[in-house]
């Protein structure tokens, strides 16, 4: 038997089967394509409706941030400061509740957490920072995780702070807050009288980030201070 003819026969049969399958399922393919197009269009319309619905909410968010910036420039003894804080918190909570987009909700949560941290209400700050850290891909999640650790430190929840910082270093090991997280972690270990753990955290960072000269020098200096019982 001619192998070439046999091969050609198999190829022809295969092409025939493919063409038959395409013909039989042509209606299904077209229907599926139309269905996909309809879904994409629906998503686009839904996204536009979300952005439209959030226009007022976003305006409230921007006004809340503007008022809080004004507060930062005011004298703490000014009797208006308390009312401004109350107003800012009220606006941000409304934004967090009413926002249709997840992005705006998370931005409002992060802003609320910062406000509560600044007025030393660490329980509320913790709650809103966690809203953001639960969404690790959100662009403010790394900042929120670092601030959450600081919130735990303020409440003397040192074990929770350590866990949070270790998670930050794992999730965002090349993030811009990784060196700051390592330094804060070392500080917490010192507070807990765990000098060997502090040294280990610092030395591991130095070993894995030899190209970072700015923080590298600071880490080396901190290690020397701890080893000489100065820090």
C-alpha atoms as a PDB file:
ATOM      1  CA  UNK A   1       0.000   0.000   0.000  1.00  0.00           C
ATOM      2  CA  UNK A   2       1.189   3.515  -0.884  1.00  0.00           C
ATOM      3  CA  UNK A   3       1.953   5.287   2.372  1.00  0.00           C
ATOM      4  CA  UNK A   4       1.635   8.740   0.791  1.00  0.00           C
ATOM      5  CA  UNK A   5      -1.810   7.939  -0.613  1.00  0.00           C
ATOM      6  CA  UNK A   6      -2.876   6.532   2.769  1.00  0.00           C
ATOM      7  CA  UNK A   7      -1.664   9.689   4.531  1.00  0.00           C
ATOM      8  CA  UNK A   8      -3.400  11.933   2.008  1.00  0.00           C
ATOM      9  CA  UNK A   9      -6.588   9.891   2.457  1.00  0.00           C
ATOM     10  CA  UNK A  10      -6.426  10.358   6.247  1.00  0.00           C
ATOM     11  CA  UNK A  11      -5.803  14.093   5.867  1.00  0.00           C
ATOM     12  CA  UNK A  12      -8.746  14.405   3.467  1.00  0.00           C
ATOM     13  CA  UNK A  13     -10.969  12.481   5.851  1.00  0.00           C
ATOM     14  CA  UNK A  14      -9.869  14.651   8.762  1.00  0.00           C
ATOM     15  CA  UNK A  15     -10.572  17.851   6.824  1.00  0.00           C
ATOM     16  CA  UNK A  16     -13.950  16.448   5.793  1.00  0.00           C
ATOM     17  CA  UNK A  17     -14.854  15.669   9.419  1.00  0.00           C
ATOM     18  CA  UNK A  18     -13.747  19.122  10.576  1.00  0.00           C
ATOM     19  CA  UNK A  19     -15.767  20.861   7.853  1.00  0.00           C
ATOM     20  CA  UNK A  20     -18.803  18.713   8.642  1.00  0.00           C
ATOM     21  CA  UNK A  21     -18.494  19.527  12.376  1.00  0.00           C
ATOM     22  CA  UNK A  22     -18.161  23.235  11.634  1.00  0.00           C
ATOM     23  CA  UNK A  23     -21.204  23.116   9.332  1.00  0.00           C
ATOM     24  CA  UNK A  24     -23.286  21.209  11.885  1.00  0.00           C
ATOM     25  CA  UNK A  25     -22.319  23.559  14.695  1.00  0.00           C
ATOM     26  CA  UNK A  26     -22.256  26.748  12.646  1.00  0.00           C
ATOM     27  CA  UNK A  27     -25.479  27.975  14.182  1.00  0.00           C
ATOM     28  CA  UNK A  28     -24.170  27.241  17.677  1.00  0.00           C
ATOM     29  CA  UNK A  29     -20.868  29.024  16.955  1.00  0.00           C
ATOM     30  CA  UNK A  30     -22.650  32.088  15.604  1.00  0.00           C
ATOM     31  CA  UNK A  31     -25.068  32.071  18.526  1.00  0.00           C
ATOM     32  CA  UNK A  32     -22.202  31.726  20.994  1.00  0.00           C
ATOM     33  CA  UNK A  33     -20.324  34.606  19.375  1.00  0.00           C
ATOM     34  CA  UNK A  34     -23.428  36.783  19.515  1.00  0.00           C
ATOM     35  CA  UNK A  35     -23.917  35.800  23.158  1.00  0.00           C
ATOM     36  CA  UNK A  36     -20.301  36.781  23.997  1.00  0.00           C
ATOM     37  CA  UNK A  37     -20.715  40.105  22.200  1.00  0.00           C
ATOM     38  CA  UNK A  38     -23.922  40.706  24.143  1.00  0.00           C
ATOM     39  CA  UNK A  39     -22.159  39.976  27.456  1.00  0.00           C
ATOM     40  CA  UNK A  40     -19.274  42.328  26.620  1.00  0.00           C
ATOM     41  CA  UNK A  41     -21.739  45.049  25.640  1.00  0.00           C
ATOM     42  CA  UNK A  42     -23.734  44.509  28.822  1.00  0.00           C
ATOM     43  CA  UNK A  43     -20.566  44.738  30.947  1.00  0.00           C
ATOM     44  CA  UNK A  44     -19.602  47.965  29.188  1.00  0.00           C
ATOM     45  CA  UNK A  45     -23.043  49.479  29.747  1.00  0.00           C
ATOM     46  CA  UNK A  46     -22.981  48.348  33.387  1.00  0.00           C
ATOM     47  CA  UNK A  47     -19.525  49.904  33.877  1.00  0.00           C
ATOM     48  CA  UNK A  48     -20.703  53.195  32.366  1.00  0.00           C
ATOM     49  CA  UNK A  49     -23.763  53.171  34.639  1.00  0.00           C
ATOM     50  CA  UNK A  50     -21.497  52.568  37.675  1.00  0.00           C
ATOM     51  CA  UNK A  51     -19.238  55.472  36.727  1.00  0.00           C
ATOM     52  CA  UNK A  52     -22.270  57.696  36.183  1.00  0.00           C
ATOM     53  CA  UNK A  53     -23.835  56.654  39.489  1.00  0.00           C
ATOM     54  CA  UNK A  54     -20.557  57.302  41.320  1.00  0.00           C
ATOM     55  CA  UNK A  55     -20.154  60.880  40.061  1.00  0.00           C
ATOM     56  CA  UNK A  56     -21.912  62.384  43.075  1.00  0.00           C
ATOM     57  CA  UNK A  57     -20.323  59.890  45.451  1.00  0.00           C
ATOM     58  CA  UNK A  58     -16.853  60.627  44.098  1.00  0.00           C
ATOM     59  CA  UNK A  59     -17.501  64.363  44.518  1.00  0.00           C
ATOM     60  CA  UNK A  60     -18.348  63.735  48.200  1.00  0.00           C
ATOM     61  CA  UNK A  61     -15.135  61.720  48.511  1.00  0.00           C
ATOM     62  CA  UNK A  62     -13.004  64.507  47.061  1.00  0.00           C
ATOM     63  CA  UNK A  63     -14.655  67.093  49.315  1.00  0.00           C
ATOM     64  CA  UNK A  64     -14.016  64.915  52.372  1.00  0.00           C
ATOM     65  CA  UNK A  65     -10.337  64.625  51.470  1.00  0.00           C
ATOM     66  CA  UNK A  66     -10.078  68.364  50.835  1.00  0.00           C
ATOM     67  CA  UNK A  67     -11.613  69.140  54.243  1.00  0.00           C
ATOM     68  CA  UNK A  68      -9.240  66.733  55.935  1.00  0.00           C
ATOM     69  CA  UNK A  69      -6.274  68.409  54.255  1.00  0.00           C
ATOM     70  CA  UNK A  70      -7.524  71.733  55.605  1.00  0.00           C
ATOM     71  CA  UNK A  71      -7.714  70.182  59.047  1.00  0.00           C
ATOM     72  CA  UNK A  72      -4.053  69.170  58.875  1.00  0.00           C
ATOM     73  CA  UNK A  73      -3.134  72.832  58.422  1.00  0.00           C
ATOM     74  CA  UNK A  74      -5.325  74.073  61.280  1.00  0.00           C
ATOM     75  CA  UNK A  75      -4.247  74.666  64.867  1.00  0.00           C
ATOM     76  CA  UNK A  76      -5.260  71.735  67.061  1.00  0.00           C
ATOM     77  CA  UNK A  77      -6.779  74.153  69.578  1.00  0.00           C
ATOM     78  CA  UNK A  78      -9.196  75.500  66.967  1.00  0.00           C
ATOM     79  CA  UNK A  79     -12.754  74.636  68.132  1.00  0.00           C
ATOM     80  CA  UNK A  80     -13.748  73.840  64.541  1.00  0.00           C
ATOM     81  CA  UNK A  81     -11.419  70.852  64.290  1.00  0.00           C
ATOM     82  CA  UNK A  82     -13.749  68.433  66.073  1.00  0.00           C
ATOM     83  CA  UNK A  83     -16.675  69.325  63.834  1.00  0.00           C
ATOM     84  CA  UNK A  84     -14.524  68.972  60.711  1.00  0.00           C
ATOM     85  CA  UNK A  85     -13.383  65.498  61.799  1.00  0.00           C
ATOM     86  CA  UNK A  86     -16.990  64.460  62.422  1.00  0.00           C
ATOM     87  CA  UNK A  87     -17.997  65.811  59.009  1.00  0.00           C
ATOM     88  CA  UNK A  88     -15.124  64.068  57.215  1.00  0.00           C
ATOM     89  CA  UNK A  89     -15.865  60.725  58.861  1.00  0.00           C
ATOM     90  CA  UNK A  90     -19.567  61.056  58.068  1.00  0.00           C
ATOM     91  CA  UNK A  91     -18.855  61.832  54.406  1.00  0.00           C
ATOM     92  CA  UNK A  92     -16.368  59.002  54.008  1.00  0.00           C
ATOM     93  CA  UNK A  93     -18.717  56.470  55.607  1.00  0.00           C
ATOM     94  CA  UNK A  94     -21.452  57.534  53.213  1.00  0.00           C
ATOM     95  CA  UNK A  95     -19.081  57.141  50.263  1.00  0.00           C
ATOM     96  CA  UNK A  96     -17.956  53.720  51.489  1.00  0.00           C
ATOM     97  CA  UNK A  97     -21.600  52.651  51.778  1.00  0.00           C
ATOM     98  CA  UNK A  98     -22.998  54.210  48.572  1.00  0.00           C
ATOM     99  CA  UNK A  99     -20.140  53.696  46.095  1.00  0.00           C
ATOM    100  CA  UNK A 100     -20.989  51.311  43.277  1.00  0.00           C
ATOM    101  CA  UNK A 101     -17.411  50.645  42.219  1.00  0.00           C
ATOM    102  CA  UNK A 102     -15.172  48.487  44.404  1.00  0.00           C
ATOM    103  CA  UNK A 103     -12.254  50.829  43.776  1.00  0.00           C
ATOM    104  CA  UNK A 104     -14.035  53.824  45.303  1.00  0.00           C
ATOM    105  CA  UNK A 105     -15.282  51.761  48.246  1.00  0.00           C
ATOM    106  CA  UNK A 106     -11.734  50.648  49.056  1.00  0.00           C
ATOM    107  CA  UNK A 107     -10.342  54.172  48.673  1.00  0.00           C
ATOM    108  CA  UNK A 108     -12.979  55.400  51.129  1.00  0.00           C
ATOM    109  CA  UNK A 109     -12.105  52.580  53.564  1.00  0.00           C
ATOM    110  CA  UNK A 110      -8.418  53.465  53.369  1.00  0.00           C
ATOM    111  CA  UNK A 111      -9.136  57.169  53.955  1.00  0.00           C
ATOM    112  CA  UNK A 112     -11.414  56.340  56.897  1.00  0.00           C
ATOM    113  CA  UNK A 113      -8.727  54.150  58.442  1.00  0.00           C
ATOM    114  CA  UNK A 114      -6.194  56.968  58.141  1.00  0.00           C
ATOM    115  CA  UNK A 115      -8.554  59.463  59.773  1.00  0.00           C
ATOM    116  CA  UNK A 116      -9.289  57.103  62.652  1.00  0.00           C
ATOM    117  CA  UNK A 117      -5.568  56.385  63.058  1.00  0.00           C
ATOM    118  CA  UNK A 118      -4.816  60.100  63.239  1.00  0.00           C
ATOM    119  CA  UNK A 119      -7.413  60.659  65.976  1.00  0.00           C
ATOM    120  CA  UNK A 120      -6.064  57.584  67.809  1.00  0.00           C
ATOM    121  CA  UNK A 121      -9.206  55.474  67.395  1.00  0.00           C
ATOM    122  CA  UNK A 122      -7.168  52.384  66.597  1.00  0.00           C
ATOM    123  CA  UNK A 123     -10.037  49.901  66.842  1.00  0.00           C
ATOM    124  CA  UNK A 124     -11.910  51.606  64.001  1.00  0.00           C
ATOM    125  CA  UNK A 125      -8.689  52.160  62.070  1.00  0.00           C
ATOM    126  CA  UNK A 126      -7.949  48.421  62.294  1.00  0.00           C
ATOM    127  CA  UNK A 127     -11.395  47.562  60.926  1.00  0.00           C
ATOM    128  CA  UNK A 128     -11.126  49.782  57.865  1.00  0.00           C
ATOM    129  CA  UNK A 129      -7.508  48.886  57.105  1.00  0.00           C
ATOM    130  CA  UNK A 130      -8.569  45.230  57.069  1.00  0.00           C
ATOM    131  CA  UNK A 131     -11.214  46.058  54.455  1.00  0.00           C
ATOM    132  CA  UNK A 132      -8.364  47.103  52.170  1.00  0.00           C
ATOM    133  CA  UNK A 133      -5.819  44.399  53.072  1.00  0.00           C
ATOM    134  CA  UNK A 134      -8.403  41.717  52.254  1.00  0.00           C
ATOM    135  CA  UNK A 135      -8.055  42.879  48.627  1.00  0.00           C
ATOM    136  CA  UNK A 136      -4.363  42.228  48.044  1.00  0.00           C
ATOM    137  CA  UNK A 137      -4.316  43.317  44.395  1.00  0.00           C
ATOM    138  CA  UNK A 138      -5.721  46.750  45.194  1.00  0.00           C
ATOM    139  CA  UNK A 139      -3.085  49.444  44.708  1.00  0.00           C
ATOM    140  CA  UNK A 140      -3.316  50.669  48.330  1.00  0.00           C
ATOM    141  CA  UNK A 141      -3.246  47.199  49.914  1.00  0.00           C
ATOM    142  CA  UNK A 142       0.489  47.255  50.690  1.00  0.00           C
ATOM    143  CA  UNK A 143       0.191  50.639  52.406  1.00  0.00           C
ATOM    144  CA  UNK A 144      -2.877  49.460  54.305  1.00  0.00           C
ATOM    145  CA  UNK A 145      -1.066  46.349  55.524  1.00  0.00           C
ATOM    146  CA  UNK A 146       1.872  48.387  56.812  1.00  0.00           C
ATOM    147  CA  UNK A 147      -0.478  50.856  58.531  1.00  0.00           C
ATOM    148  CA  UNK A 148      -2.463  47.956  59.987  1.00  0.00           C
ATOM    149  CA  UNK A 149       0.732  46.654  61.588  1.00  0.00           C
ATOM    150  CA  UNK A 150       1.364  50.124  63.045  1.00  0.00           C
ATOM    151  CA  UNK A 151      -2.195  50.112  64.385  1.00  0.00           C
ATOM    152  CA  UNK A 152      -1.524  46.802  66.131  1.00  0.00           C
ATOM    153  CA  UNK A 153       1.654  48.241  67.642  1.00  0.00           C
ATOM    154  CA  UNK A 154      -0.303  51.208  69.040  1.00  0.00           C
ATOM    155  CA  UNK A 155      -2.671  48.712  70.691  1.00  0.00           C
ATOM    156  CA  UNK A 156       0.287  46.629  71.932  1.00  0.00           C
ATOM    157  CA  UNK A 157      -0.925  43.677  69.843  1.00  0.00           C
ATOM    158  CA  UNK A 158       2.637  42.790  68.989  1.00  0.00           C
ATOM    159  CA  UNK A 159       2.012  39.238  67.779  1.00  0.00           C
ATOM    160  CA  UNK A 160      -0.651  40.489  65.362  1.00  0.00           C
ATOM    161  CA  UNK A 161       1.752  43.177  64.155  1.00  0.00           C
ATOM    162  CA  UNK A 162       4.495  40.603  63.543  1.00  0.00           C
ATOM    163  CA  UNK A 163       2.127  38.352  61.585  1.00  0.00           C
ATOM    164  CA  UNK A 164       0.930  41.287  59.482  1.00  0.00           C
ATOM    165  CA  UNK A 165       4.469  42.419  58.662  1.00  0.00           C
ATOM    166  CA  UNK A 166       5.581  38.901  57.807  1.00  0.00           C
ATOM    167  CA  UNK A 167       2.601  38.638  55.449  1.00  0.00           C
ATOM    168  CA  UNK A 168       3.486  41.986  53.892  1.00  0.00           C
ATOM    169  CA  UNK A 169       7.049  40.832  53.240  1.00  0.00           C
ATOM    170  CA  UNK A 170       5.729  37.622  51.696  1.00  0.00           C
ATOM    171  CA  UNK A 171       3.011  39.161  49.513  1.00  0.00           C
ATOM    172  CA  UNK A 172       4.995  42.245  48.494  1.00  0.00           C
ATOM    173  CA  UNK A 173       8.580  41.047  48.820  1.00  0.00           C
ATOM    174  CA  UNK A 174       9.712  43.488  46.137  1.00  0.00           C
ATOM    175  CA  UNK A 175       7.362  46.234  47.290  1.00  0.00           C
ATOM    176  CA  UNK A 176       8.597  49.680  48.265  1.00  0.00           C
ATOM    177  CA  UNK A 177       7.543  49.143  51.895  1.00  0.00           C
ATOM    178  CA  UNK A 178       9.458  45.895  52.377  1.00  0.00           C
ATOM    179  CA  UNK A 179      12.515  47.590  53.995  1.00  0.00           C
ATOM    180  CA  UNK A 180      10.319  49.734  56.259  1.00  0.00           C
ATOM    181  CA  UNK A 181       8.383  46.611  57.236  1.00  0.00           C
ATOM    182  CA  UNK A 182      11.659  44.892  58.153  1.00  0.00           C
ATOM    183  CA  UNK A 183      12.785  47.820  60.313  1.00  0.00           C
ATOM    184  CA  UNK A 184       9.407  47.977  62.071  1.00  0.00           C
ATOM    185  CA  UNK A 185       9.513  44.214  62.572  1.00  0.00           C
ATOM    186  CA  UNK A 186      12.934  44.541  64.208  1.00  0.00           C
ATOM    187  CA  UNK A 187      11.596  47.314  66.463  1.00  0.00           C
ATOM    188  CA  UNK A 188       8.724  45.093  67.581  1.00  0.00           C
ATOM    189  CA  UNK A 189      11.082  42.223  68.348  1.00  0.00           C
ATOM    190  CA  UNK A 190      13.186  44.608  70.439  1.00  0.00           C
ATOM    191  CA  UNK A 191      10.033  45.679  72.329  1.00  0.00           C
ATOM    192  CA  UNK A 192       9.370  41.989  72.987  1.00  0.00           C
ATOM    193  CA  UNK A 193      12.992  41.497  74.099  1.00  0.00           C
ATOM    194  CA  UNK A 194      13.605  39.162  71.147  1.00  0.00           C
ATOM    195  CA  UNK A 195      16.948  40.512  70.001  1.00  0.00           C
ATOM    196  CA  UNK A 196      17.981  37.405  68.067  1.00  0.00           C
ATOM    197  CA  UNK A 197      14.748  37.539  66.012  1.00  0.00           C
ATOM    198  CA  UNK A 198      15.350  41.226  65.314  1.00  0.00           C
ATOM    199  CA  UNK A 199      18.887  40.521  64.112  1.00  0.00           C
ATOM    200  CA  UNK A 200      17.695  37.605  61.985  1.00  0.00           C
ATOM    201  CA  UNK A 201      15.049  39.733  60.248  1.00  0.00           C
ATOM    202  CA  UNK A 202      17.557  42.487  59.482  1.00  0.00           C
ATOM    203  CA  UNK A 203      20.346  40.176  58.309  1.00  0.00           C
ATOM    204  CA  UNK A 204      17.989  38.204  56.055  1.00  0.00           C
ATOM    205  CA  UNK A 205      16.873  41.429  54.400  1.00  0.00           C
ATOM    206  CA  UNK A 206      20.500  42.561  53.902  1.00  0.00           C
ATOM    207  CA  UNK A 207      21.413  39.212  52.359  1.00  0.00           C
ATOM    208  CA  UNK A 208      18.454  39.248  49.946  1.00  0.00           C
ATOM    209  CA  UNK A 209      18.771  42.919  48.966  1.00  0.00           C
ATOM    210  CA  UNK A 210      22.468  43.569  48.465  1.00  0.00           C
ATOM    211  CA  UNK A 211      21.748  46.018  45.623  1.00  0.00           C
ATOM    212  CA  UNK A 212      19.718  48.344  47.877  1.00  0.00           C
ATOM    213  CA  UNK A 213      22.479  50.564  49.239  1.00  0.00           C
ATOM    214  CA  UNK A 214      20.233  53.211  50.786  1.00  0.00           C
ATOM    215  CA  UNK A 215      18.399  50.873  53.141  1.00  0.00           C
ATOM    216  CA  UNK A 216      21.297  48.434  53.246  1.00  0.00           C
ATOM    217  CA  UNK A 217      23.484  50.915  55.132  1.00  0.00           C
ATOM    218  CA  UNK A 218      20.669  51.669  57.564  1.00  0.00           C
ATOM    219  CA  UNK A 219      20.099  47.945  58.180  1.00  0.00           C
ATOM    220  CA  UNK A 220      23.809  47.350  58.790  1.00  0.00           C
ATOM    221  CA  UNK A 221      23.945  50.257  61.235  1.00  0.00           C
ATOM    222  CA  UNK A 222      20.866  48.933  63.072  1.00  0.00           C
ATOM    223  CA  UNK A 223      22.413  45.465  63.301  1.00  0.00           C
ATOM    224  CA  UNK A 224      25.593  46.974  64.810  1.00  0.00           C
ATOM    225  CA  UNK A 225      23.563  48.945  67.366  1.00  0.00           C
ATOM    226  CA  UNK A 226      21.639  45.844  68.459  1.00  0.00           C
ATOM    227  CA  UNK A 227      24.759  43.656  68.650  1.00  0.00           C
ATOM    228  CA  UNK A 228      26.460  46.277  70.830  1.00  0.00           C
ATOM    229  CA  UNK A 229      23.378  46.606  73.062  1.00  0.00           C
ATOM    230  CA  UNK A 230      22.992  50.284  72.144  1.00  0.00           C
ATOM    231  CA  UNK A 231      19.634  49.807  70.460  1.00  0.00           C
END
